[in-house]
C-alpha atoms as a PDB file:
ATOM      1  CA  MET A   1     243.635 125.529 208.859  1.00  0.00           C
ATOM      2  CA  GLY A   2     244.675 128.971 207.214  1.00  0.00           C
ATOM      3  CA  ARG A   3     245.748 128.696 203.952  1.00  0.00           C
ATOM      4  CA  ALA A   4     245.774 124.949 203.757  1.00  0.00           C
ATOM      5  CA  LYS A   5     242.136 125.263 202.782  1.00  0.00           C
ATOM      6  CA  GLU A   6     243.489 126.898 199.498  1.00  0.00           C
ATOM      7  CA  ILE A   7     245.600 123.753 198.253  1.00  0.00           C
ATOM      8  CA  ARG A   8     244.085 121.951 195.267  1.00  0.00           C
ATOM      9  CA  VAL A   9     244.533 118.374 194.955  1.00  0.00           C
ATOM     10  CA  LYS A  10     244.481 116.315 191.463  1.00  0.00           C
ATOM     11  CA  VAL A  11     245.807 113.329 189.540  1.00  0.00           C
ATOM     12  CA  ILE A  12     248.913 114.213 187.732  1.00  0.00           C
ATOM     13  CA  PRO A  13     250.680 112.313 185.176  1.00  0.00           C
ATOM     14  CA  SER A  14     253.437 109.739 186.702  1.00  0.00           C
ATOM     15  CA  LYS A  15     256.607 111.930 184.708  1.00  0.00           C
ATOM     16  CA  ILE A  16     255.521 115.151 186.718  1.00  0.00           C
ATOM     17  CA  ALA A  17     254.989 113.177 190.075  1.00  0.00           C
ATOM     18  CA  ASN A  18     257.861 111.230 189.671  1.00  0.00           C
ATOM     19  CA  THR A  19     260.364 114.366 188.709  1.00  0.00           C
ATOM     20  CA  PHE A  20     258.924 116.189 191.938  1.00  0.00           C
ATOM     21  CA  VAL A  21     259.334 113.002 194.284  1.00  0.00           C
ATOM     22  CA  ARG A  22     262.991 112.732 192.770  1.00  0.00           C
ATOM     23  CA  LYS A  23     263.675 116.213 193.926  1.00  0.00           C
ATOM     24  CA  ASN A  24     261.992 116.514 197.245  1.00  0.00           C
ATOM     25  CA  HIS A  25     262.114 113.346 198.933  1.00  0.00           C
ATOM     26  CA  TYR A  26     264.713 112.435 201.074  1.00  0.00           C
ATOM     27  CA  SER A  27     265.490 109.175 199.231  1.00  0.00           C
ATOM     28  CA  GLY A  28     265.751 110.705 196.166  1.00  0.00           C
ATOM     29  CA  ARG A  29     264.174 107.909 194.342  1.00  0.00           C
ATOM     30  CA  VAL A  30     260.519 106.674 193.027  1.00  0.00           C
ATOM     31  CA  VAL A  31     258.750 103.689 193.480  1.00  0.00           C
ATOM     32  CA  ASN A  32     258.141 101.566 190.363  1.00  0.00           C
ATOM     33  CA  THR A  33     254.860  99.922 191.501  1.00  0.00           C
ATOM     34  CA  SER A  34     253.254 103.740 192.029  1.00  0.00           C
ATOM     35  CA  ASN A  35     250.634 104.254 189.000  1.00  0.00           C
ATOM     36  CA  LEU A  36     248.406 106.817 190.928  1.00  0.00           C
ATOM     37  CA  HIS A  37     249.598 110.140 191.465  1.00  0.00           C
ATOM     38  CA  PHE A  38     248.172 113.073 193.138  1.00  0.00           C
ATOM     39  CA  GLY A  39     249.851 116.672 193.034  1.00  0.00           C
ATOM     40  CA  CYS A  40     249.116 119.146 195.757  1.00  0.00           C
ATOM     41  CA  PHE A  41     248.877 122.809 194.506  1.00  0.00           C
ATOM     42  CA  LEU A  42     248.836 125.819 196.023  1.00  0.00           C
ATOM     43  CA  ASP A  43     249.211 129.308 194.527  1.00  0.00           C
ATOM     44  CA  GLY A  44     248.740 127.660 191.012  1.00  0.00           C
ATOM     45  CA  LYS A  45     251.973 125.833 191.285  1.00  0.00           C
ATOM     46  CA  LEU A  46     252.660 122.069 192.413  1.00  0.00           C
ATOM     47  CA  HIS A  47     254.289 121.891 195.901  1.00  0.00           C
ATOM     48  CA  GLY A  48     253.476 118.161 196.608  1.00  0.00           C
ATOM     49  CA  ALA A  49     252.936 114.726 195.290  1.00  0.00           C
ATOM     50  CA  MET A  50     251.599 111.721 196.618  1.00  0.00           C
ATOM     51  CA  SER A  51     252.304 108.334 194.987  1.00  0.00           C
ATOM     52  CA  TYR A  52     249.969 105.159 195.456  1.00  0.00           C
ATOM     53  CA  GLY A  53     250.442 101.627 194.049  1.00  0.00           C
ATOM     54  CA  SER A  54     250.896  98.051 195.025  1.00  0.00           C
ATOM     55  CA  PRO A  55     252.853  96.518 197.723  1.00  0.00           C
ATOM     56  CA  MET A  56     256.092  94.873 196.555  1.00  0.00           C
ATOM     57  CA  ILE A  57     255.023  91.428 197.943  1.00  0.00           C
ATOM     58  CA  LYS A  58     251.394  92.065 197.924  1.00  0.00           C
ATOM     59  CA  LYS A  59     250.224  88.445 198.979  1.00  0.00           C
ATOM     60  CA  ASN A  60     251.866  88.986 202.082  1.00  0.00           C
ATOM     61  CA  ILE A  61     249.987  92.314 202.674  1.00  0.00           C
ATOM     62  CA  LEU A  62     246.362  91.416 202.161  1.00  0.00           C
ATOM     63  CA  PRO A  63     245.837  89.356 205.152  1.00  0.00           C
ATOM     64  CA  MET A  64     246.404  92.533 207.375  1.00  0.00           C
ATOM     65  CA  VAL A  65     242.726  93.583 206.738  1.00  0.00           C
ATOM     66  CA  GLN A  66     240.049  90.738 206.826  1.00  0.00           C
ATOM     67  CA  ASN A  67     239.006  89.485 203.500  1.00  0.00           C
ATOM     68  CA  THR A  68     240.673  91.980 201.220  1.00  0.00           C
ATOM     69  CA  GLY A  69     240.363  90.828 197.745  1.00  0.00           C
ATOM     70  CA  TRP A  70     243.728  91.507 195.023  1.00  0.00           C
ATOM     71  CA  ASN A  71     242.462  94.706 194.171  1.00  0.00           C
ATOM     72  CA  GLU A  72     240.886  96.079 197.077  1.00  0.00           C
ATOM     73  CA  MET A  73     243.992  98.069 198.751  1.00  0.00           C
ATOM     74  CA  LEU A  74     246.664 100.745 198.081  1.00  0.00           C
ATOM     75  CA  GLU A  75     250.008 101.552 199.195  1.00  0.00           C
ATOM     76  CA  LEU A  76     250.848 105.083 199.833  1.00  0.00           C
ATOM     77  CA  ASN A  77     254.513 104.449 199.063  1.00  0.00           C
ATOM     78  CA  ARG A  78     255.749 107.899 198.273  1.00  0.00           C
ATOM     79  CA  MET A  79     255.058 111.253 199.663  1.00  0.00           C
ATOM     80  CA  ALA A  80     257.176 114.436 199.162  1.00  0.00           C
ATOM     81  CA  PHE A  81     256.416 118.150 199.895  1.00  0.00           C
ATOM     82  CA  ASP A  82     258.425 121.141 199.606  1.00  0.00           C
ATOM     83  CA  GLU A  83     258.838 124.084 202.377  1.00  0.00           C
ATOM     84  CA  TYR A  84     256.139 126.310 200.503  1.00  0.00           C
ATOM     85  CA  LEU A  85     253.178 124.396 202.036  1.00  0.00           C
ATOM     86  CA  PRO A  86     251.657 125.896 205.014  1.00  0.00           C
ATOM     87  CA  LYS A  87     251.038 123.981 208.463  1.00  0.00           C
ATOM     88  CA  ASN A  88     248.668 120.986 208.567  1.00  0.00           C
ATOM     89  CA  ALA A  89     249.134 121.023 204.492  1.00  0.00           C
ATOM     90  CA  GLU A  90     250.055 117.357 204.422  1.00  0.00           C
ATOM     91  CA  SER A  91     247.197 115.807 206.481  1.00  0.00           C
ATOM     92  CA  ARG A  92     244.889 117.868 204.387  1.00  0.00           C
ATOM     93  CA  CYS A  93     246.262 116.452 201.261  1.00  0.00           C
ATOM     94  CA  ILE A  94     246.171 112.770 202.356  1.00  0.00           C
ATOM     95  CA  ALA A  95     242.585 113.283 203.192  1.00  0.00           C
ATOM     96  CA  ILE A  96     241.452 114.872 200.229  1.00  0.00           C
ATOM     97  CA  SER A  97     243.494 112.018 198.141  1.00  0.00           C
ATOM     98  CA  ILE A  98     241.675 109.309 200.130  1.00  0.00           C
ATOM     99  CA  ARG A  99     238.400 111.047 199.542  1.00  0.00           C
ATOM    100  CA  LEU A 100     239.046 110.829 195.747  1.00  0.00           C
ATOM    101  CA  ILE A 101     240.118 107.523 196.057  1.00  0.00           C
ATOM    102  CA  LYS A 102     236.719 106.467 197.970  1.00  0.00           C
ATOM    103  CA  LYS A 103     234.580 108.413 195.646  1.00  0.00           C
ATOM    104  CA  ASN A 104     236.059 107.240 192.203  1.00  0.00           C
ATOM    105  CA  ALA A 105     237.353 103.589 193.187  1.00  0.00           C
ATOM    106  CA  PRO A 106     234.956 102.474 195.879  1.00  0.00           C
ATOM    107  CA  HIS A 107     236.617  99.092 195.400  1.00  0.00           C
ATOM    108  CA  ILE A 108     239.706 100.378 197.547  1.00  0.00           C
ATOM    109  CA  LYS A 109     238.690  99.351 201.115  1.00  0.00           C
ATOM    110  CA  TRP A 110     242.164 100.481 202.579  1.00  0.00           C
ATOM    111  CA  ILE A 111     245.770 102.180 202.523  1.00  0.00           C
ATOM    112  CA  LEU A 112     248.758 101.006 203.781  1.00  0.00           C
ATOM    113  CA  SER A 113     251.895 102.954 204.442  1.00  0.00           C
ATOM    114  CA  PHE A 114     255.173 102.639 206.043  1.00  0.00           C
ATOM    115  CA  SER A 115     257.418 105.464 208.041  1.00  0.00           C
ATOM    116  CA  ASP A 116     261.396 105.225 207.951  1.00  0.00           C
ATOM    117  CA  GLY A 117     262.265 105.847 211.379  1.00  0.00           C
ATOM    118  CA  THR A 118     265.744 105.438 210.179  1.00  0.00           C
ATOM    119  CA  GLN A 119     266.463 108.322 208.000  1.00  0.00           C
ATOM    120  CA  CYS A 120     263.270 110.479 208.202  1.00  0.00           C
ATOM    121  CA  GLY A 121     260.410 110.398 210.750  1.00  0.00           C
ATOM    122  CA  ASP A 122     258.073 108.135 212.892  1.00  0.00           C
ATOM    123  CA  GLY A 123     254.611 108.734 210.755  1.00  0.00           C
ATOM    124  CA  THR A 124     253.347 112.185 212.747  1.00  0.00           C
ATOM    125  CA  ILE A 125     251.305 112.924 209.247  1.00  0.00           C
ATOM    126  CA  TYR A 126     249.820 109.373 209.101  1.00  0.00           C
ATOM    127  CA  ARG A 127     248.734 109.721 213.260  1.00  0.00           C
ATOM    128  CA  ALA A 128     247.479 113.276 212.175  1.00  0.00           C
ATOM    129  CA  SER A 129     245.452 111.813 209.310  1.00  0.00           C
ATOM    130  CA  GLY A 130     243.523 108.876 211.665  1.00  0.00           C
ATOM    131  CA  PHE A 131     246.110 106.028 210.297  1.00  0.00           C
ATOM    132  CA  HIS A 132     246.127 103.023 212.887  1.00  0.00           C
ATOM    133  CA  LEU A 133     249.688 102.087 213.955  1.00  0.00           C
ATOM    134  CA  THR A 134     250.236  98.387 213.165  1.00  0.00           C
ATOM    135  CA  SER A 135     253.546  97.934 213.725  1.00  0.00           C
ATOM    136  CA  ILE A 136     257.248  99.051 214.896  1.00  0.00           C
ATOM    137  CA  LYS A 137     260.094  96.713 214.221  1.00  0.00           C
ATOM    138  CA  ASN A 138     263.811  97.215 213.637  1.00  0.00           C
ATOM    139  CA  ASN A 139     264.350  97.728 210.021  1.00  0.00           C
ATOM    140  CA  ASN A 140     266.775  95.386 208.771  1.00  0.00           C
ATOM    141  CA  SER A 141     266.428  95.883 204.967  1.00  0.00           C
ATOM    142  CA  LEU A 142     268.144  99.165 204.558  1.00  0.00           C
ATOM    143  CA  TYR A 143     271.656  99.497 203.809  1.00  0.00           C
ATOM    144  CA  ARG A 144     274.180 102.416 203.005  1.00  0.00           C
ATOM    145  CA  LEU A 145     276.404 101.817 200.000  1.00  0.00           C
ATOM    146  CA  PRO A 146     280.102 103.879 200.202  1.00  0.00           C
ATOM    147  CA  ASP A 147     278.750 106.695 197.899  1.00  0.00           C
ATOM    148  CA  GLY A 148     276.057 107.457 200.599  1.00  0.00           C
ATOM    149  CA  ARG A 149     273.088 106.119 198.878  1.00  0.00           C
ATOM    150  CA  VAL A 150     270.435 104.107 200.930  1.00  0.00           C
ATOM    151  CA  ILE A 151     268.963 101.303 199.272  1.00  0.00           C
ATOM    152  CA  ASN A 152     266.715  98.304 199.963  1.00  0.00           C
ATOM    153  CA  ASN A 153     268.494  95.067 200.648  1.00  0.00           C
ATOM    154  CA  LEU A 154     266.521  93.953 197.538  1.00  0.00           C
ATOM    155  CA  ASN A 155     268.206  96.501 195.200  1.00  0.00           C
ATOM    156  CA  MET A 156     271.396  94.131 195.624  1.00  0.00           C
ATOM    157  CA  THR A 157     269.717  91.278 194.036  1.00  0.00           C
ATOM    158  CA  GLY A 158     267.354  89.678 191.873  1.00  0.00           C
ATOM    159  CA  LYS A 159     264.977  91.647 189.561  1.00  0.00           C
ATOM    160  CA  TYR A 160     265.257  94.703 192.029  1.00  0.00           C
ATOM    161  CA  MET A 161     268.784  94.802 191.922  1.00  0.00           C
ATOM    162  CA  LEU A 162     269.881  98.809 190.736  1.00  0.00           C
ATOM    163  CA  SER A 163     270.967  98.765 187.260  1.00  0.00           C
ATOM    164  CA  ASP A 164     274.102 100.335 187.924  1.00  0.00           C
ATOM    165  CA  LEU A 165     274.996  97.427 190.454  1.00  0.00           C
ATOM    166  CA  ALA A 166     274.099  95.123 188.111  1.00  0.00           C
ATOM    167  CA  LYS A 167     277.014  96.478 185.552  1.00  0.00           C
ATOM    168  CA  ARG A 168     279.502  95.553 187.993  1.00  0.00           C
ATOM    169  CA  GLN A 169     281.641  92.616 187.660  1.00  0.00           C
ATOM    170  CA  ASP A 170     282.533  91.448 190.957  1.00  0.00           C
ATOM    171  CA  ILE A 171     278.863  90.722 191.946  1.00  0.00           C
ATOM    172  CA  SER A 172     275.508  89.064 190.738  1.00  0.00           C
ATOM    173  CA  SER A 173     271.846  89.123 191.058  1.00  0.00           C
ATOM    174  CA  ALA A 174     271.839  85.488 191.657  1.00  0.00           C
ATOM    175  CA  TRP A 175     273.927  86.121 195.075  1.00  0.00           C
ATOM    176  CA  SER A 176     272.249  86.567 198.254  1.00  0.00           C
ATOM    177  CA  TYR A 177     271.852  90.500 199.282  1.00  0.00           C
ATOM    178  CA  ASN A 178     274.200  89.829 202.102  1.00  0.00           C
ATOM    179  CA  LYS A 179     276.839  88.382 200.060  1.00  0.00           C
ATOM    180  CA  ASN A 180     276.399  91.685 197.751  1.00  0.00           C
ATOM    181  CA  ALA A 181     276.520  93.760 200.689  1.00  0.00           C
ATOM    182  CA  LYS A 182     279.907  92.717 201.733  1.00  0.00           C
ATOM    183  CA  ILE A 183     281.488  93.131 198.478  1.00  0.00           C
ATOM    184  CA  LEU A 184     280.126  96.383 198.064  1.00  0.00           C
ATOM    185  CA  GLY A 185     281.030  97.715 201.373  1.00  0.00           C
ATOM    186  CA  ALA A 186     277.520  98.572 202.353  1.00  0.00           C
ATOM    187  CA  LYS A 187     276.363  98.832 205.825  1.00  0.00           C
ATOM    188  CA  LYS A 188     273.144  98.388 207.979  1.00  0.00           C
ATOM    189  CA  VAL A 189     271.488 101.402 208.586  1.00  0.00           C
ATOM    190  CA  GLN A 190     270.125 101.489 212.057  1.00  0.00           C
ATOM    191  CA  GLY A 191     266.504 102.160 213.271  1.00  0.00           C
ATOM    192  CA  PHE A 192     262.980 101.280 212.802  1.00  0.00           C
ATOM    193  CA  GLN A 193     260.016 100.951 210.483  1.00  0.00           C
ATOM    194  CA  LEU A 194     256.508 101.699 211.222  1.00  0.00           C
ATOM    195  CA  ARG A 195     253.286 100.543 209.272  1.00  0.00           C
ATOM    196  CA  TYR A 196     250.024 102.202 209.265  1.00  0.00           C
ATOM    197  CA  ILE A 197     246.638 101.437 208.252  1.00  0.00           C
ATOM    198  CA  TYR A 198     243.953 103.529 207.190  1.00  0.00           C
ATOM    199  CA  LEU A 199     240.321 101.637 206.646  1.00  0.00           C
ATOM    200  CA  ILE A 200     238.800 103.776 203.814  1.00  0.00           C
ATOM    201  CA  ASP A 201     235.575 100.830 204.543  1.00  0.00           C
ATOM    202  CA  LYS A 202     235.108 101.221 208.186  1.00  0.00           C
ATOM    203  CA  ALA A 203     233.338  97.718 208.258  1.00  0.00           C
ATOM    204  CA  CYS A 204     236.898  96.017 207.545  1.00  0.00           C
ATOM    205  CA  LYS A 205     238.429  94.416 210.268  1.00  0.00           C
ATOM    206  CA  ILE A 206     242.242  94.939 210.847  1.00  0.00           C
ATOM    207  CA  THR A 207     243.728  91.363 211.785  1.00  0.00           C
ATOM    208  CA  VAL A 208     247.196  92.526 212.711  1.00  0.00           C
ATOM    209  CA  PRO A 209     247.623  94.135 216.323  1.00  0.00           C
ATOM    210  CA  ILE A 210     246.828  98.048 216.690  1.00  0.00           C
ATOM    211  CA  LEU A 211     249.289  99.922 218.880  1.00  0.00           C
ATOM    212  CA  PRO A 212     248.708 102.853 220.998  1.00  0.00           C
ATOM    213  CA  PHE A 213     251.077 105.604 219.845  1.00  0.00           C
ATOM    214  CA  SER A 214     252.653 105.923 222.931  1.00  0.00           C
ATOM    215  CA  LYS A 215     254.625 102.408 222.173  1.00  0.00           C
ATOM    216  CA  ILE A 216     256.587 104.815 219.734  1.00  0.00           C
ATOM    217  CA  ASP A 217     258.351 106.393 222.761  1.00  0.00           C
ATOM    218  CA  GLU A 218     258.659 102.979 224.822  1.00  0.00           C
ATOM    219  CA  MET A 219     260.352 101.383 222.161  1.00  0.00           C
ATOM    220  CA  ASN A 220     262.612 104.682 221.699  1.00  0.00           C
ATOM    221  CA  ALA A 221     261.447 104.662 217.842  1.00  0.00           C
ATOM    222  CA  GLY A 222     260.608 108.309 217.740  1.00  0.00           C
ATOM    223  CA  MET A 223     262.431 110.168 214.793  1.00  0.00           C
ATOM    224  CA  TYR A 224     262.259 113.764 213.043  1.00  0.00           C
ATOM    225  CA  LYS A 225     264.113 114.230 210.120  1.00  0.00           C
ATOM    226  CA  GLY A 226     266.355 111.788 210.497  1.00  0.00           C
ATOM    227  CA  LYS A 227     267.214 112.464 214.595  1.00  0.00           C
ATOM    228  CA  LYS A 228     265.853 110.837 217.493  1.00  0.00           C
ATOM    229  CA  ARG A 229     263.015 112.621 219.638  1.00  0.00           C
ATOM    230  CA  LEU A 230     260.235 111.657 222.268  1.00  0.00           C
ATOM    231  CA  GLN A 231     256.618 112.479 221.290  1.00  0.00           C
ATOM    232  CA  ALA A 232     255.780 114.051 224.253  1.00  0.00           C
ATOM    233  CA  ASP A 233     258.543 116.682 223.126  1.00  0.00           C
ATOM    234  CA  ALA A 234     257.341 116.844 219.988  1.00  0.00           C
ATOM    235  CA  HIS A 235     253.934 117.787 220.966  1.00  0.00           C
ATOM    236  CA  LYS A 236     255.180 120.327 223.573  1.00  0.00           C
ATOM    237  CA  ARG A 237     257.229 122.236 220.869  1.00  0.00           C
ATOM    238  CA  GLY A 238     254.666 121.920 217.952  1.00  0.00           C
ATOM    239  CA  SER A 239     255.888 120.701 214.319  1.00  0.00           C
ATOM    240  CA  LYS A 240     255.612 121.662 210.812  1.00  0.00           C
ATOM    241  CA  ASN A 241     254.423 118.257 209.532  1.00  0.00           C
ATOM    242  CA  HIS A 242     255.886 118.572 206.143  1.00  0.00           C
ATOM    243  CA  LEU A 243     259.435 118.358 207.082  1.00  0.00           C
ATOM    244  CA  GLU A 244     258.807 114.946 207.737  1.00  0.00           C
ATOM    245  CA  LYS A 245     258.276 113.313 204.334  1.00  0.00           C
ATOM    246  CA  GLY A 246     256.841 109.410 204.174  1.00  0.00           C
ATOM    247  CA  GLY A 247     256.642 106.846 202.236  1.00  0.00           C
ATOM    248  CA  ALA A 248     257.263 101.668 199.060  1.00  0.00           C
ATOM    249  CA  ASN A 249     249.329  98.962 190.526  1.00  0.00           C
ATOM    250  CA  PRO A 250     246.040  98.546 191.815  1.00  0.00           C
ATOM    251  CA  THR A 251     245.025  95.846 189.187  1.00  0.00           C
ATOM    252  CA  ARG A 252     242.290  98.058 187.832  1.00  0.00           C
ATOM    253  CA  PRO A 253     243.486 101.980 186.499  1.00  0.00           C
ATOM    254  CA  LEU A 254     241.940 104.663 188.285  1.00  0.00           C
ATOM    255  CA  HIS A 255     240.994 107.380 186.433  1.00  0.00           C
ATOM    256  CA  LEU A 256     239.962 110.477 188.485  1.00  0.00           C
ATOM    257  CA  LYS A 257     239.211 113.769 187.407  1.00  0.00           C
ATOM    258  CA  VAL A 258     237.610 115.232 190.458  1.00  0.00           C
ATOM    259  CA  THR A 259     239.333 118.288 192.043  1.00  0.00           C
ATOM    260  CA  TYR A 260     238.744 118.785 195.602  1.00  0.00           C
ATOM    261  CA  GLY A 261     239.817 121.978 197.986  1.00  0.00           C
END
């Protein structure tokens, strides 16, 4: 484990977490539904941030684990680490954050997270942290704007529309994202989205299929730092996990003061 044992994980204010995520996450953006943020400290400085919150469309997510109440799950929707952290740091940080949630918010039964296999990675960190792989699908929701930004299709229409796009006179939040995408000159980003579930409460039952990790290679869905790869090759080379930076309001606020290390 090496220096990873020296990392301290604690709750931090959203302002600090969001500033770090914008600087270090490949997307450069935060998720507005995040409201529980953990900071990862080494040598007295912040070198990682993990943000938890509600999924964007929560009613579609809850049935994935049997008998899940409205406030009984969280999504790990942003995870960003800089290059200072040692190998194995990310899986350790996730484990500590989940331990903190389990101790201080026992009503939370499970964690959801997605891995972006279109721009970043296929979820090495999640697999190392004991998550179950439950879905691999073509990601049809991401578009690249002419200015280089990659956004979700929901960001081109409705209440989730980006503020700068909403100011344009040639598109409307009432139109479909397909129509706005055409006007904007936005192009679909090719790749896969992988979905992972972690059961805090081991008595819970996942209702969707659990896939073997080998399925990633079978579907040619492997990716690392935005480049295609095979899992077998990755295992041979070994990797410094934090180069693959992941994950998109619980109804009850979580006030955590405990620091693990």
